[in-house]
Amino acid sequence: VQLQASGGGVVQAGGSLRLSCAASGRTFSTGAMGWFRRPPEKEREFVAGINGNGGHTYYADSVEGRFTISRDNAENTVYLQMSSLKPEDTAVYYCAADTVWISLITGRARYWGQGTLVTVSS
């Protein structure tokens, strides 16, 4: 399984950005997918997760109410809509996937994409 993340860039504080992560090599309609991020000089942290049918989502407290995760199983793609961005959201964002929910949200996902850099300027 390959995960290809895209959509990163530079945005001003208060702005919005949408990240995409396309999965190939295997259909992931029954698997959990999610996003993590690694801020500069910090450890990787969980951002958001979504279950296989999109009916259940889970967010880190730091992004709750500002970020929305969604998925399109027909396109094997997961999205992260980020709004009201803050400078502290600056990070390399990674998408991840696993058939086991708890493995995903605890950062032990089997599949990881390359990162995409999001920079929020103040």
PDB file of N, CA and C in Angstrom:
ATOM      1  N   VAL A   1       0.848  -1.189   0.000  1.00  0.00           N
ATOM      2  CA  VAL A   1       0.000   0.000   0.000  1.00  0.00           C
ATOM      3  C   VAL A   1       0.883   1.238   0.000  1.00  0.00           C
ATOM      4  N   GLN A   2       0.565   2.139  -0.899  1.00  0.00           N
ATOM      5  CA  GLN A   2       1.284   3.411  -0.931  1.00  0.00           C
ATOM      6  C   GLN A   2       0.307   4.540  -0.628  1.00  0.00           C
ATOM      7  N   LEU A   3       0.751   5.459   0.188  1.00  0.00           N
ATOM      8  CA  LEU A   3      -0.044   6.632   0.536  1.00  0.00           C
ATOM      9  C   LEU A   3       0.682   7.866   0.031  1.00  0.00           C
ATOM     10  N   GLN A   4      -0.031   8.683  -0.710  1.00  0.00           N
ATOM     11  CA  GLN A   4       0.557   9.878  -1.293  1.00  0.00           C
ATOM     12  C   GLN A   4      -0.182  11.096  -0.774  1.00  0.00           C
ATOM     13  N   ALA A   5       0.498  11.867   0.059  1.00  0.00           N
ATOM     14  CA  ALA A   5      -0.096  13.074   0.624  1.00  0.00           C
ATOM     15  C   ALA A   5       0.238  14.284  -0.231  1.00  0.00           C
ATOM     16  N   SER A   6      -0.685  15.220  -0.271  1.00  0.00           N
ATOM     17  CA  SER A   6      -0.469  16.452  -1.025  1.00  0.00           C
ATOM     18  C   SER A   6      -1.308  17.561  -0.424  1.00  0.00           C
ATOM     19  N   GLY A   7      -1.040  18.784  -0.877  1.00  0.00           N
ATOM     20  CA  GLY A   7      -1.852  19.914  -0.458  1.00  0.00           C
ATOM     21  C   GLY A   7      -1.197  20.855   0.517  1.00  0.00           C
ATOM     22  N   GLY A   8       0.006  20.540   0.974  1.00  0.00           N
ATOM     23  CA  GLY A   8       0.686  21.431   1.901  1.00  0.00           C
ATOM     24  C   GLY A   8       1.091  22.732   1.229  1.00  0.00           C
ATOM     25  N   GLY A   9       1.449  23.709   2.044  1.00  0.00           N
ATOM     26  CA  GLY A   9       1.877  24.990   1.511  1.00  0.00           C
ATOM     27  C   GLY A   9       2.009  26.011   2.609  1.00  0.00           C
ATOM     28  N   VAL A  10       2.095  27.252   2.195  1.00  0.00           N
ATOM     29  CA  VAL A  10       2.222  28.368   3.128  1.00  0.00           C
ATOM     30  C   VAL A  10       0.900  29.120   3.158  1.00  0.00           C
ATOM     31  N   VAL A  11       0.423  29.391   4.360  1.00  0.00           N
ATOM     32  CA  VAL A  11      -0.849  30.095   4.511  1.00  0.00           C
ATOM     33  C   VAL A  11      -0.740  31.041   5.698  1.00  0.00           C
ATOM     34  N   GLN A  12      -1.462  32.128   5.640  1.00  0.00           N
ATOM     35  CA  GLN A  12      -1.452  33.065   6.755  1.00  0.00           C
ATOM     36  C   GLN A  12      -2.334  32.566   7.886  1.00  0.00           C
ATOM     37  N   ALA A  13      -2.025  32.994   9.082  1.00  0.00           N
ATOM     38  CA  ALA A  13      -2.841  32.636  10.237  1.00  0.00           C
ATOM     39  C   ALA A  13      -4.292  33.040   9.995  1.00  0.00           C
ATOM     40  N   GLY A  14      -5.200  32.147  10.356  1.00  0.00           N
ATOM     41  CA  GLY A  14      -6.612  32.385  10.109  1.00  0.00           C
ATOM     42  C   GLY A  14      -7.102  31.803   8.800  1.00  0.00           C
ATOM     43  N   GLY A  15      -6.178  31.392   7.968  1.00  0.00           N
ATOM     44  CA  GLY A  15      -6.534  30.854   6.663  1.00  0.00           C
ATOM     45  C   GLY A  15      -6.886  29.382   6.700  1.00  0.00           C
ATOM     46  N   SER A  16      -7.122  28.833   5.513  1.00  0.00           N
ATOM     47  CA  SER A  16      -7.536  27.432   5.387  1.00  0.00           C
ATOM     48  C   SER A  16      -6.670  26.713   4.364  1.00  0.00           C
ATOM     49  N   LEU A  17      -6.636  25.409   4.516  1.00  0.00           N
ATOM     50  CA  LEU A  17      -5.876  24.563   3.601  1.00  0.00           C
ATOM     51  C   LEU A  17      -6.501  23.177   3.639  1.00  0.00           C
ATOM     52  N   ARG A  18      -6.471  22.474   2.528  1.00  0.00           N
ATOM     53  CA  ARG A  18      -6.984  21.108   2.509  1.00  0.00           C
ATOM     54  C   ARG A  18      -5.887  20.154   2.061  1.00  0.00           C
ATOM     55  N   LEU A  19      -5.648  19.161   2.881  1.00  0.00           N
ATOM     56  CA  LEU A  19      -4.693  18.116   2.549  1.00  0.00           C
ATOM     57  C   LEU A  19      -5.435  16.907   1.983  1.00  0.00           C
ATOM     58  N   SER A  20      -4.777  16.213   1.077  1.00  0.00           N
ATOM     59  CA  SER A  20      -5.329  14.987   0.507  1.00  0.00           C
ATOM     60  C   SER A  20      -4.318  13.862   0.657  1.00  0.00           C
ATOM     61  N   CYS A  21      -4.829  12.655   0.786  1.00  0.00           N
ATOM     62  CA  CYS A  21      -3.967  11.487   0.848  1.00  0.00           C
ATOM     63  C   CYS A  21      -4.618  10.377   0.038  1.00  0.00           C
ATOM     64  N   ALA A  22      -3.984  10.017  -1.055  1.00  0.00           N
ATOM     65  CA  ALA A  22      -4.503   8.974  -1.932  1.00  0.00           C
ATOM     66  C   ALA A  22      -3.804   7.657  -1.657  1.00  0.00           C
ATOM     67  N   ALA A  23      -4.589   6.608  -1.495  1.00  0.00           N
ATOM     68  CA  ALA A  23      -4.043   5.275  -1.263  1.00  0.00           C
ATOM     69  C   ALA A  23      -4.081   4.477  -2.557  1.00  0.00           C
ATOM     70  N   SER A  24      -3.029   3.763  -2.825  1.00  0.00           N
ATOM     71  CA  SER A  24      -2.977   2.913  -4.004  1.00  0.00           C
ATOM     72  C   SER A  24      -2.395   1.566  -3.621  1.00  0.00           C
ATOM     73  N   GLY A  25      -2.647   0.595  -4.451  1.00  0.00           N
ATOM     74  CA  GLY A  25      -2.113  -0.741  -4.203  1.00  0.00           C
ATOM     75  C   GLY A  25      -3.062  -1.634  -3.448  1.00  0.00           C
ATOM     76  N   ARG A  26      -4.081  -1.028  -2.850  1.00  0.00           N
ATOM     77  CA  ARG A  26      -5.053  -1.814  -2.098  1.00  0.00           C
ATOM     78  C   ARG A  26      -6.228  -0.914  -1.775  1.00  0.00           C
ATOM     79  N   THR A  27      -7.426  -1.452  -1.826  1.00  0.00           N
ATOM     80  CA  THR A  27      -8.572  -0.637  -1.423  1.00  0.00           C
ATOM     81  C   THR A  27      -8.622  -0.576   0.086  1.00  0.00           C
ATOM     82  N   PHE A  28      -8.943   0.607   0.602  1.00  0.00           N
ATOM     83  CA  PHE A  28      -8.940   0.778   2.048  1.00  0.00           C
ATOM     84  C   PHE A  28     -10.300   1.175   2.570  1.00  0.00           C
ATOM     85  N   SER A  29     -11.337   0.691   1.933  1.00  0.00           N
ATOM     86  CA  SER A  29     -12.674   1.095   2.330  1.00  0.00           C
ATOM     87  C   SER A  29     -13.058   0.563   3.696  1.00  0.00           C
ATOM     88  N   THR A  30     -12.358  -0.481   4.190  1.00  0.00           N
ATOM     89  CA  THR A  30     -12.689  -1.002   5.505  1.00  0.00           C
ATOM     90  C   THR A  30     -11.649  -0.640   6.545  1.00  0.00           C
ATOM     91  N   GLY A  31     -10.669   0.115   6.160  1.00  0.00           N
ATOM     92  CA  GLY A  31      -9.583   0.448   7.068  1.00  0.00           C
ATOM     93  C   GLY A  31      -9.677   1.850   7.614  1.00  0.00           C
ATOM     94  N   ALA A  32      -9.067   2.056   8.773  1.00  0.00           N
ATOM     95  CA  ALA A  32      -8.998   3.387   9.351  1.00  0.00           C
ATOM     96  C   ALA A  32      -7.883   4.179   8.679  1.00  0.00           C
ATOM     97  N   MET A  33      -8.133   5.461   8.519  1.00  0.00           N
ATOM     98  CA  MET A  33      -7.111   6.347   7.957  1.00  0.00           C
ATOM     99  C   MET A  33      -7.043   7.587   8.822  1.00  0.00           C
ATOM    100  N   GLY A  34      -5.911   8.238   8.776  1.00  0.00           N
ATOM    101  CA  GLY A  34      -5.782   9.405   9.634  1.00  0.00           C
ATOM    102  C   GLY A  34      -4.592  10.270   9.286  1.00  0.00           C
ATOM    103  N   TRP A  35      -4.447  11.312  10.089  1.00  0.00           N
ATOM    104  CA  TRP A  35      -3.377  12.277   9.898  1.00  0.00           C
ATOM    105  C   TRP A  35      -2.601  12.463  11.202  1.00  0.00           C
ATOM    106  N   PHE A  36      -1.306  12.616  11.047  1.00  0.00           N
ATOM    107  CA  PHE A  36      -0.402  12.962  12.140  1.00  0.00           C
ATOM    108  C   PHE A  36       0.430  14.156  11.684  1.00  0.00           C
ATOM    109  N   ARG A  37       1.106  14.760  12.612  1.00  0.00           N
ATOM    110  CA  ARG A  37       1.992  15.864  12.237  1.00  0.00           C
ATOM    111  C   ARG A  37       3.216  15.904  13.157  1.00  0.00           C
ATOM    112  N   ARG A  38       4.283  16.461  12.601  1.00  0.00           N
ATOM    113  CA  ARG A  38       5.502  16.646  13.381  1.00  0.00           C
ATOM    114  C   ARG A  38       5.893  18.109  13.299  1.00  0.00           C
ATOM    115  N   PRO A  39       5.621  18.875  14.350  1.00  0.00           N
ATOM    116  CA  PRO A  39       6.037  20.290  14.374  1.00  0.00           C
ATOM    117  C   PRO A  39       7.559  20.376  14.437  1.00  0.00           C
ATOM    118  N   PRO A  40       8.122  21.509  14.108  1.00  0.00           N
ATOM    119  CA  PRO A  40       9.582  21.665  14.159  1.00  0.00           C
ATOM    120  C   PRO A  40      10.124  21.339  15.541  1.00  0.00           C
ATOM    121  N   GLU A  41      11.108  20.473  15.587  1.00  0.00           N
ATOM    122  CA  GLU A  41      11.823  20.112  16.811  1.00  0.00           C
ATOM    123  C   GLU A  41      10.914  19.492  17.869  1.00  0.00           C
ATOM    124  N   LYS A  42       9.828  18.884  17.413  1.00  0.00           N
ATOM    125  CA  LYS A  42       8.930  18.204  18.350  1.00  0.00           C
ATOM    126  C   LYS A  42       8.650  16.792  17.861  1.00  0.00           C
ATOM    127  N   GLU A  43       8.010  16.019  18.727  1.00  0.00           N
ATOM    128  CA  GLU A  43       7.663  14.658  18.374  1.00  0.00           C
ATOM    129  C   GLU A  43       6.414  14.644  17.480  1.00  0.00           C
ATOM    130  N   ARG A  44       6.275  13.552  16.762  1.00  0.00           N
ATOM    131  CA  ARG A  44       5.078  13.366  15.956  1.00  0.00           C
ATOM    132  C   ARG A  44       3.860  13.248  16.859  1.00  0.00           C
ATOM    133  N   GLU A  45       2.740  13.829  16.409  1.00  0.00           N
ATOM    134  CA  GLU A  45       1.521  13.773  17.216  1.00  0.00           C
ATOM    135  C   GLU A  45       0.309  13.458  16.358  1.00  0.00           C
ATOM    136  N   PHE A  46      -0.665  12.852  16.978  1.00  0.00           N
ATOM    137  CA  PHE A  46      -1.921  12.503  16.313  1.00  0.00           C
ATOM    138  C   PHE A  46      -2.713  13.782  16.031  1.00  0.00           C
ATOM    139  N   VAL A  47      -3.372  13.816  14.870  1.00  0.00           N
ATOM    140  CA  VAL A  47      -4.219  14.946  14.507  1.00  0.00           C
ATOM    141  C   VAL A  47      -5.679  14.518  14.389  1.00  0.00           C
ATOM    142  N   ALA A  48      -5.951  13.556  13.534  1.00  0.00           N
ATOM    143  CA  ALA A  48      -7.335  13.145  13.297  1.00  0.00           C
ATOM    144  C   ALA A  48      -7.382  11.750  12.690  1.00  0.00           C
ATOM    145  N   GLY A  49      -8.467  11.034  12.968  1.00  0.00           N
ATOM    146  CA  GLY A  49      -8.657   9.707  12.401  1.00  0.00           C
ATOM    147  C   GLY A  49     -10.089   9.512  11.961  1.00  0.00           C
ATOM    148  N   ILE A  50     -10.292   8.606  11.017  1.00  0.00           N
ATOM    149  CA  ILE A  50     -11.630   8.311  10.510  1.00  0.00           C
ATOM    150  C   ILE A  50     -11.720   6.817  10.251  1.00  0.00           C
ATOM    151  N   ASN A  51     -12.864   6.221  10.590  1.00  0.00           N
ATOM    152  CA  ASN A  51     -12.989   4.782  10.404  1.00  0.00           C
ATOM    153  C   ASN A  51     -13.336   4.450   8.957  1.00  0.00           C
ATOM    154  N   GLY A  52     -13.521   3.172   8.690  1.00  0.00           N
ATOM    155  CA  GLY A  52     -13.648   2.706   7.323  1.00  0.00           C
ATOM    156  C   GLY A  52     -14.798   3.302   6.529  1.00  0.00           C
ATOM    157  N   ASN A  53     -15.960   3.411   7.172  1.00  0.00           N
ATOM    158  CA  ASN A  53     -17.122   3.926   6.431  1.00  0.00           C
ATOM    159  C   ASN A  53     -17.322   5.420   6.636  1.00  0.00           C
ATOM    160  N   GLY A  54     -16.414   6.044   7.351  1.00  0.00           N
ATOM    161  CA  GLY A  54     -16.502   7.482   7.570  1.00  0.00           C
ATOM    162  C   GLY A  54     -17.488   7.893   8.637  1.00  0.00           C
ATOM    163  N   GLY A  55     -18.073   6.933   9.318  1.00  0.00           N
ATOM    164  CA  GLY A  55     -19.092   7.247  10.300  1.00  0.00           C
ATOM    165  C   GLY A  55     -18.569   7.657  11.657  1.00  0.00           C
ATOM    166  N   HIS A  56     -17.295   7.458  11.870  1.00  0.00           N
ATOM    167  CA  HIS A  56     -16.702   7.807  13.162  1.00  0.00           C
ATOM    168  C   HIS A  56     -15.404   8.554  12.942  1.00  0.00           C
ATOM    169  N   THR A  57     -15.286   9.692  13.598  1.00  0.00           N
ATOM    170  CA  THR A  57     -14.065  10.480  13.521  1.00  0.00           C
ATOM    171  C   THR A  57     -13.572  10.803  14.920  1.00  0.00           C
ATOM    172  N   TYR A  58     -12.302  11.121  14.990  1.00  0.00           N
ATOM    173  CA  TYR A  58     -11.692  11.415  16.294  1.00  0.00           C
ATOM    174  C   TYR A  58     -10.597  12.434  16.063  1.00  0.00           C
ATOM    175  N   TYR A  59     -10.548  13.459  16.953  1.00  0.00           N
ATOM    176  CA  TYR A  59      -9.616  14.553  16.761  1.00  0.00           C
ATOM    177  C   TYR A  59      -8.781  14.808  18.013  1.00  0.00           C
ATOM    178  N   ALA A  60      -7.604  15.309  17.783  1.00  0.00           N
ATOM    179  CA  ALA A  60      -6.812  15.817  18.901  1.00  0.00           C
ATOM    180  C   ALA A  60      -7.492  17.079  19.422  1.00  0.00           C
ATOM    181  N   ASP A  61      -7.374  17.324  20.714  1.00  0.00           N
ATOM    182  CA  ASP A  61      -8.003  18.506  21.310  1.00  0.00           C
ATOM    183  C   ASP A  61      -7.537  19.794  20.643  1.00  0.00           C
ATOM    184  N   SER A  62      -6.294  19.797  20.221  1.00  0.00           N
ATOM    185  CA  SER A  62      -5.713  21.024  19.667  1.00  0.00           C
ATOM    186  C   SER A  62      -6.325  21.430  18.326  1.00  0.00           C
ATOM    187  N   VAL A  63      -6.993  20.500  17.655  1.00  0.00           N
ATOM    188  CA  VAL A  63      -7.563  20.819  16.339  1.00  0.00           C
ATOM    189  C   VAL A  63      -9.077  20.665  16.299  1.00  0.00           C
ATOM    190  N   GLU A  64      -9.658  20.144  17.360  1.00  0.00           N
ATOM    191  CA  GLU A  64     -11.111  19.935  17.420  1.00  0.00           C
ATOM    192  C   GLU A  64     -11.834  21.239  17.120  1.00  0.00           C
ATOM    193  N   GLY A  65     -12.787  21.174  16.198  1.00  0.00           N
ATOM    194  CA  GLY A  65     -13.555  22.362  15.832  1.00  0.00           C
ATOM    195  C   GLY A  65     -12.936  23.192  14.726  1.00  0.00           C
ATOM    196  N   ARG A  66     -11.691  22.941  14.413  1.00  0.00           N
ATOM    197  CA  ARG A  66     -11.025  23.691  13.340  1.00  0.00           C
ATOM    198  C   ARG A  66     -10.692  22.807  12.145  1.00  0.00           C
ATOM    199  N   PHE A  67     -10.401  21.555  12.394  1.00  0.00           N
ATOM    200  CA  PHE A  67     -10.050  20.613  11.333  1.00  0.00           C
ATOM    201  C   PHE A  67     -11.189  19.613  11.141  1.00  0.00           C
ATOM    202  N   THR A  68     -11.347  19.168   9.894  1.00  0.00           N
ATOM    203  CA  THR A  68     -12.346  18.148   9.583  1.00  0.00           C
ATOM    204  C   THR A  68     -11.721  17.077   8.705  1.00  0.00           C
ATOM    205  N   ILE A  69     -11.824  15.851   9.147  1.00  0.00           N
ATOM    206  CA  ILE A  69     -11.331  14.736   8.348  1.00  0.00           C
ATOM    207  C   ILE A  69     -12.499  14.083   7.632  1.00  0.00           C
ATOM    208  N   SER A  70     -12.272  13.682   6.400  1.00  0.00           N
ATOM    209  CA  SER A  70     -13.307  13.007   5.626  1.00  0.00           C
ATOM    210  C   SER A  70     -12.628  12.034   4.665  1.00  0.00           C
ATOM    211  N   ARG A  71     -13.429  11.197   4.033  1.00  0.00           N
ATOM    212  CA  ARG A  71     -12.847  10.253   3.099  1.00  0.00           C
ATOM    213  C   ARG A  71     -13.805   9.979   1.957  1.00  0.00           C
ATOM    214  N   ASP A  72     -13.238   9.598   0.839  1.00  0.00           N
ATOM    215  CA  ASP A  72     -13.991   9.198  -0.343  1.00  0.00           C
ATOM    216  C   ASP A  72     -13.484   7.804  -0.699  1.00  0.00           C
ATOM    217  N   ASN A  73     -14.231   6.799  -0.326  1.00  0.00           N
ATOM    218  CA  ASN A  73     -13.767   5.432  -0.559  1.00  0.00           C
ATOM    219  C   ASN A  73     -13.745   5.057  -2.037  1.00  0.00           C
ATOM    220  N   ALA A  74     -14.588   5.693  -2.806  1.00  0.00           N
ATOM    221  CA  ALA A  74     -14.576   5.424  -4.245  1.00  0.00           C
ATOM    222  C   ALA A  74     -13.255   5.876  -4.863  1.00  0.00           C
ATOM    223  N   GLU A  75     -12.667   6.919  -4.276  1.00  0.00           N
ATOM    224  CA  GLU A  75     -11.392   7.447  -4.759  1.00  0.00           C
ATOM    225  C   GLU A  75     -10.220   6.997  -3.898  1.00  0.00           C
ATOM    226  N   ASN A  76     -10.498   6.203  -2.843  1.00  0.00           N
ATOM    227  CA  ASN A  76      -9.436   5.746  -1.934  1.00  0.00           C
ATOM    228  C   ASN A  76      -8.617   6.912  -1.400  1.00  0.00           C
ATOM    229  N   THR A  77      -9.324   7.956  -1.011  1.00  0.00           N
ATOM    230  CA  THR A  77      -8.651   9.179  -0.597  1.00  0.00           C
ATOM    231  C   THR A  77      -9.221   9.679   0.729  1.00  0.00           C
ATOM    232  N   VAL A  78      -8.343  10.192   1.576  1.00  0.00           N
ATOM    233  CA  VAL A  78      -8.761  10.836   2.814  1.00  0.00           C
ATOM    234  C   VAL A  78      -8.328  12.288   2.757  1.00  0.00           C
ATOM    235  N   TYR A  79      -9.149  13.151   3.326  1.00  0.00           N
ATOM    236  CA  TYR A  79      -8.892  14.584   3.298  1.00  0.00           C
ATOM    237  C   TYR A  79      -8.779  15.134   4.715  1.00  0.00           C
ATOM    238  N   LEU A  80      -8.071  16.242   4.831  1.00  0.00           N
ATOM    239  CA  LEU A  80      -8.044  16.979   6.074  1.00  0.00           C
ATOM    240  C   LEU A  80      -8.260  18.451   5.732  1.00  0.00           C
ATOM    241  N   GLN A  81      -9.451  18.930   6.037  1.00  0.00           N
ATOM    242  CA  GLN A  81      -9.769  20.338   5.837  1.00  0.00           C
ATOM    243  C   GLN A  81      -9.351  21.088   7.087  1.00  0.00           C
ATOM    244  N   MET A  82      -8.442  22.031   6.924  1.00  0.00           N
ATOM    245  CA  MET A  82      -7.917  22.779   8.054  1.00  0.00           C
ATOM    246  C   MET A  82      -8.351  24.232   7.939  1.00  0.00           C
ATOM    247  N   SER A  83      -8.993  24.725   8.969  1.00  0.00           N
ATOM    248  CA  SER A  83      -9.469  26.106   8.982  1.00  0.00           C
ATOM    249  C   SER A  83      -8.958  26.808  10.240  1.00  0.00           C
ATOM    250  N   SER A  84      -9.088  28.123  10.233  1.00  0.00           N
ATOM    251  CA  SER A  84      -8.621  28.931  11.371  1.00  0.00           C
ATOM    252  C   SER A  84      -7.211  28.511  11.784  1.00  0.00           C
ATOM    253  N   LEU A  85      -6.359  28.396  10.813  1.00  0.00           N
ATOM    254  CA  LEU A  85      -5.009  27.901  11.076  1.00  0.00           C
ATOM    255  C   LEU A  85      -4.223  28.864  11.954  1.00  0.00           C
ATOM    256  N   LYS A  86      -3.383  28.283  12.797  1.00  0.00           N
ATOM    257  CA  LYS A  86      -2.553  29.037  13.730  1.00  0.00           C
ATOM    258  C   LYS A  86      -1.086  28.738  13.434  1.00  0.00           C
ATOM    259  N   PRO A  87      -0.195  29.623  13.812  1.00  0.00           N
ATOM    260  CA  PRO A  87       1.234  29.337  13.614  1.00  0.00           C
ATOM    261  C   PRO A  87       1.671  28.019  14.241  1.00  0.00           C
ATOM    262  N   GLU A  88       1.047  27.642  15.350  1.00  0.00           N
ATOM    263  CA  GLU A  88       1.425  26.391  16.003  1.00  0.00           C
ATOM    264  C   GLU A  88       0.956  25.158  15.233  1.00  0.00           C
ATOM    265  N   ASP A  89       0.187  25.349  14.171  1.00  0.00           N
ATOM    266  CA  ASP A  89      -0.176  24.231  13.300  1.00  0.00           C
ATOM    267  C   ASP A  89       0.924  23.929  12.282  1.00  0.00           C
ATOM    268  N   THR A  90       1.937  24.766  12.245  1.00  0.00           N
ATOM    269  CA  THR A  90       3.052  24.534  11.335  1.00  0.00           C
ATOM    270  C   THR A  90       3.713  23.199  11.646  1.00  0.00           C
ATOM    271  N   ALA A  91       3.818  22.357  10.618  1.00  0.00           N
ATOM    272  CA  ALA A  91       4.351  21.010  10.822  1.00  0.00           C
ATOM    273  C   ALA A  91       4.424  20.291   9.484  1.00  0.00           C
ATOM    274  N   VAL A  92       5.113  19.169   9.495  1.00  0.00           N
ATOM    275  CA  VAL A  92       5.021  18.222   8.396  1.00  0.00           C
ATOM    276  C   VAL A  92       3.866  17.286   8.734  1.00  0.00           C
ATOM    277  N   TYR A  93       2.918  17.189   7.826  1.00  0.00           N
ATOM    278  CA  TYR A  93       1.728  16.370   8.053  1.00  0.00           C
ATOM    279  C   TYR A  93       1.870  15.050   7.297  1.00  0.00           C
ATOM    280  N   TYR A  94       1.549  13.967   8.002  1.00  0.00           N
ATOM    281  CA  TYR A  94       1.649  12.625   7.448  1.00  0.00           C
ATOM    282  C   TYR A  94       0.285  11.950   7.476  1.00  0.00           C
ATOM    283  N   CYS A  95      -0.041  11.213   6.429  1.00  0.00           N
ATOM    284  CA  CYS A  95      -1.232  10.378   6.483  1.00  0.00           C
ATOM    285  C   CYS A  95      -0.823   8.946   6.813  1.00  0.00           C
ATOM    286  N   ALA A  96      -1.742   8.229   7.400  1.00  0.00           N
ATOM    287  CA  ALA A  96      -1.473   6.870   7.829  1.00  0.00           C
ATOM    288  C   ALA A  96      -2.723   6.024   7.650  1.00  0.00           C
ATOM    289  N   ALA A  97      -2.530   4.716   7.582  1.00  0.00           N
ATOM    290  CA  ALA A  97      -3.662   3.804   7.413  1.00  0.00           C
ATOM    291  C   ALA A  97      -3.375   2.474   8.095  1.00  0.00           C
ATOM    292  N   ASP A  98      -4.435   1.867   8.595  1.00  0.00           N
ATOM    293  CA  ASP A  98      -4.314   0.553   9.216  1.00  0.00           C
ATOM    294  C   ASP A  98      -5.702  -0.067   9.273  1.00  0.00           C
ATOM    295  N   THR A  99      -5.744  -1.385   9.293  1.00  0.00           N
ATOM    296  CA  THR A  99      -7.029  -2.066   9.409  1.00  0.00           C
ATOM    297  C   THR A  99      -7.544  -2.033  10.842  1.00  0.00           C
ATOM    298  N   VAL A 100      -6.684  -1.712  11.792  1.00  0.00           N
ATOM    299  CA  VAL A 100      -7.051  -1.703  13.198  1.00  0.00           C
ATOM    300  C   VAL A 100      -7.081  -0.260  13.709  1.00  0.00           C
ATOM    301  N   TRP A 101      -8.254   0.158  14.198  1.00  0.00           N
ATOM    302  CA  TRP A 101      -8.461   1.542  14.637  1.00  0.00           C
ATOM    303  C   TRP A 101      -7.459   1.969  15.696  1.00  0.00           C
ATOM    304  N   ILE A 102      -7.298   1.166  16.731  1.00  0.00           N
ATOM    305  CA  ILE A 102      -6.446   1.561  17.838  1.00  0.00           C
ATOM    306  C   ILE A 102      -4.994   1.676  17.398  1.00  0.00           C
ATOM    307  N   SER A 103      -4.599   0.867  16.436  1.00  0.00           N
ATOM    308  CA  SER A 103      -3.231   0.975  15.918  1.00  0.00           C
ATOM    309  C   SER A 103      -3.032   2.305  15.212  1.00  0.00           C
ATOM    310  N   LEU A 104      -4.056   2.727  14.503  1.00  0.00           N
ATOM    311  CA  LEU A 104      -3.947   4.008  13.796  1.00  0.00           C
ATOM    312  C   LEU A 104      -3.815   5.150  14.783  1.00  0.00           C
ATOM    313  N   ILE A 105      -4.761   5.301  15.692  1.00  0.00           N
ATOM    314  CA  ILE A 105      -4.793   6.507  16.517  1.00  0.00           C
ATOM    315  C   ILE A 105      -3.684   6.546  17.558  1.00  0.00           C
ATOM    316  N   THR A 106      -3.051   5.429  17.815  1.00  0.00           N
ATOM    317  CA  THR A 106      -1.921   5.428  18.740  1.00  0.00           C
ATOM    318  C   THR A 106      -0.577   5.539  18.021  1.00  0.00           C
ATOM    319  N   GLY A 107      -0.637   5.786  16.716  1.00  0.00           N
ATOM    320  CA  GLY A 107       0.588   6.011  15.970  1.00  0.00           C
ATOM    321  C   GLY A 107       1.336   4.770  15.561  1.00  0.00           C
ATOM    322  N   ARG A 108       0.679   3.620  15.649  1.00  0.00           N
ATOM    323  CA  ARG A 108       1.338   2.365  15.285  1.00  0.00           C
ATOM    324  C   ARG A 108       0.776   1.810  13.977  1.00  0.00           C
ATOM    325  N   ALA A 109       0.333   2.716  13.117  1.00  0.00           N
ATOM    326  CA  ALA A 109      -0.239   2.303  11.834  1.00  0.00           C
ATOM    327  C   ALA A 109       0.784   1.582  10.983  1.00  0.00           C
ATOM    328  N   ARG A 110       0.282   0.670  10.196  1.00  0.00           N
ATOM    329  CA  ARG A 110       1.173  -0.126   9.345  1.00  0.00           C
ATOM    330  C   ARG A 110       1.660   0.662   8.144  1.00  0.00           C
ATOM    331  N   TYR A 111       0.805   1.536   7.612  1.00  0.00           N
ATOM    332  CA  TYR A 111       1.146   2.244   6.388  1.00  0.00           C
ATOM    333  C   TYR A 111       1.244   3.748   6.646  1.00  0.00           C
ATOM    334  N   TRP A 112       2.279   4.329   6.086  1.00  0.00           N
ATOM    335  CA  TRP A 112       2.515   5.770   6.235  1.00  0.00           C
ATOM    336  C   TRP A 112       2.856   6.390   4.889  1.00  0.00           C
ATOM    337  N   GLY A 113       2.384   7.598   4.697  1.00  0.00           N
ATOM    338  CA  GLY A 113       2.751   8.338   3.503  1.00  0.00           C
ATOM    339  C   GLY A 113       3.935   9.253   3.787  1.00  0.00           C
ATOM    340  N   GLN A 114       4.441   9.849   2.732  1.00  0.00           N
ATOM    341  CA  GLN A 114       5.492  10.844   2.934  1.00  0.00           C
ATOM    342  C   GLN A 114       4.837  12.109   3.464  1.00  0.00           C
ATOM    343  N   GLY A 115       5.552  12.957   4.051  1.00  0.00           N
ATOM    344  CA  GLY A 115       4.968  14.139   4.652  1.00  0.00           C
ATOM    345  C   GLY A 115       4.730  15.247   3.652  1.00  0.00           C
ATOM    346  N   THR A 116       3.840  16.145   4.028  1.00  0.00           N
ATOM    347  CA  THR A 116       3.630  17.368   3.278  1.00  0.00           C
ATOM    348  C   THR A 116       3.701  18.525   4.266  1.00  0.00           C
ATOM    349  N   LEU A 117       4.468  19.535   3.918  1.00  0.00           N
ATOM    350  CA  LEU A 117       4.763  20.620   4.855  1.00  0.00           C
ATOM    351  C   LEU A 117       3.677  21.687   4.817  1.00  0.00           C
ATOM    352  N   VAL A 118       3.197  22.033   5.994  1.00  0.00           N
ATOM    353  CA  VAL A 118       2.254  23.131   6.163  1.00  0.00           C
ATOM    354  C   VAL A 118       2.937  24.200   7.015  1.00  0.00           C
ATOM    355  N   THR A 119       2.995  25.391   6.485  1.00  0.00           N
ATOM    356  CA  THR A 119       3.595  26.507   7.210  1.00  0.00           C
ATOM    357  C   THR A 119       2.548  27.594   7.369  1.00  0.00           C
ATOM    358  N   VAL A 120       2.295  27.977   8.613  1.00  0.00           N
ATOM    359  CA  VAL A 120       1.316  29.019   8.909  1.00  0.00           C
ATOM    360  C   VAL A 120       2.075  30.240   9.413  1.00  0.00           C
ATOM    361  N   SER A 121       1.979  31.311   8.662  1.00  0.00           N
ATOM    362  CA  SER A 121       2.699  32.528   9.035  1.00  0.00           C
ATOM    363  C   SER A 121       1.804  33.434   9.873  1.00  0.00           C
ATOM    364  N   SER A 122       2.430  34.141  10.785  1.00  0.00           N
ATOM    365  CA  SER A 122       1.656  35.023  11.675  1.00  0.00           C
ATOM    366  C   SER A 122       1.548  36.428  11.116  1.00  0.00           C
TER     367      SER A 122
END
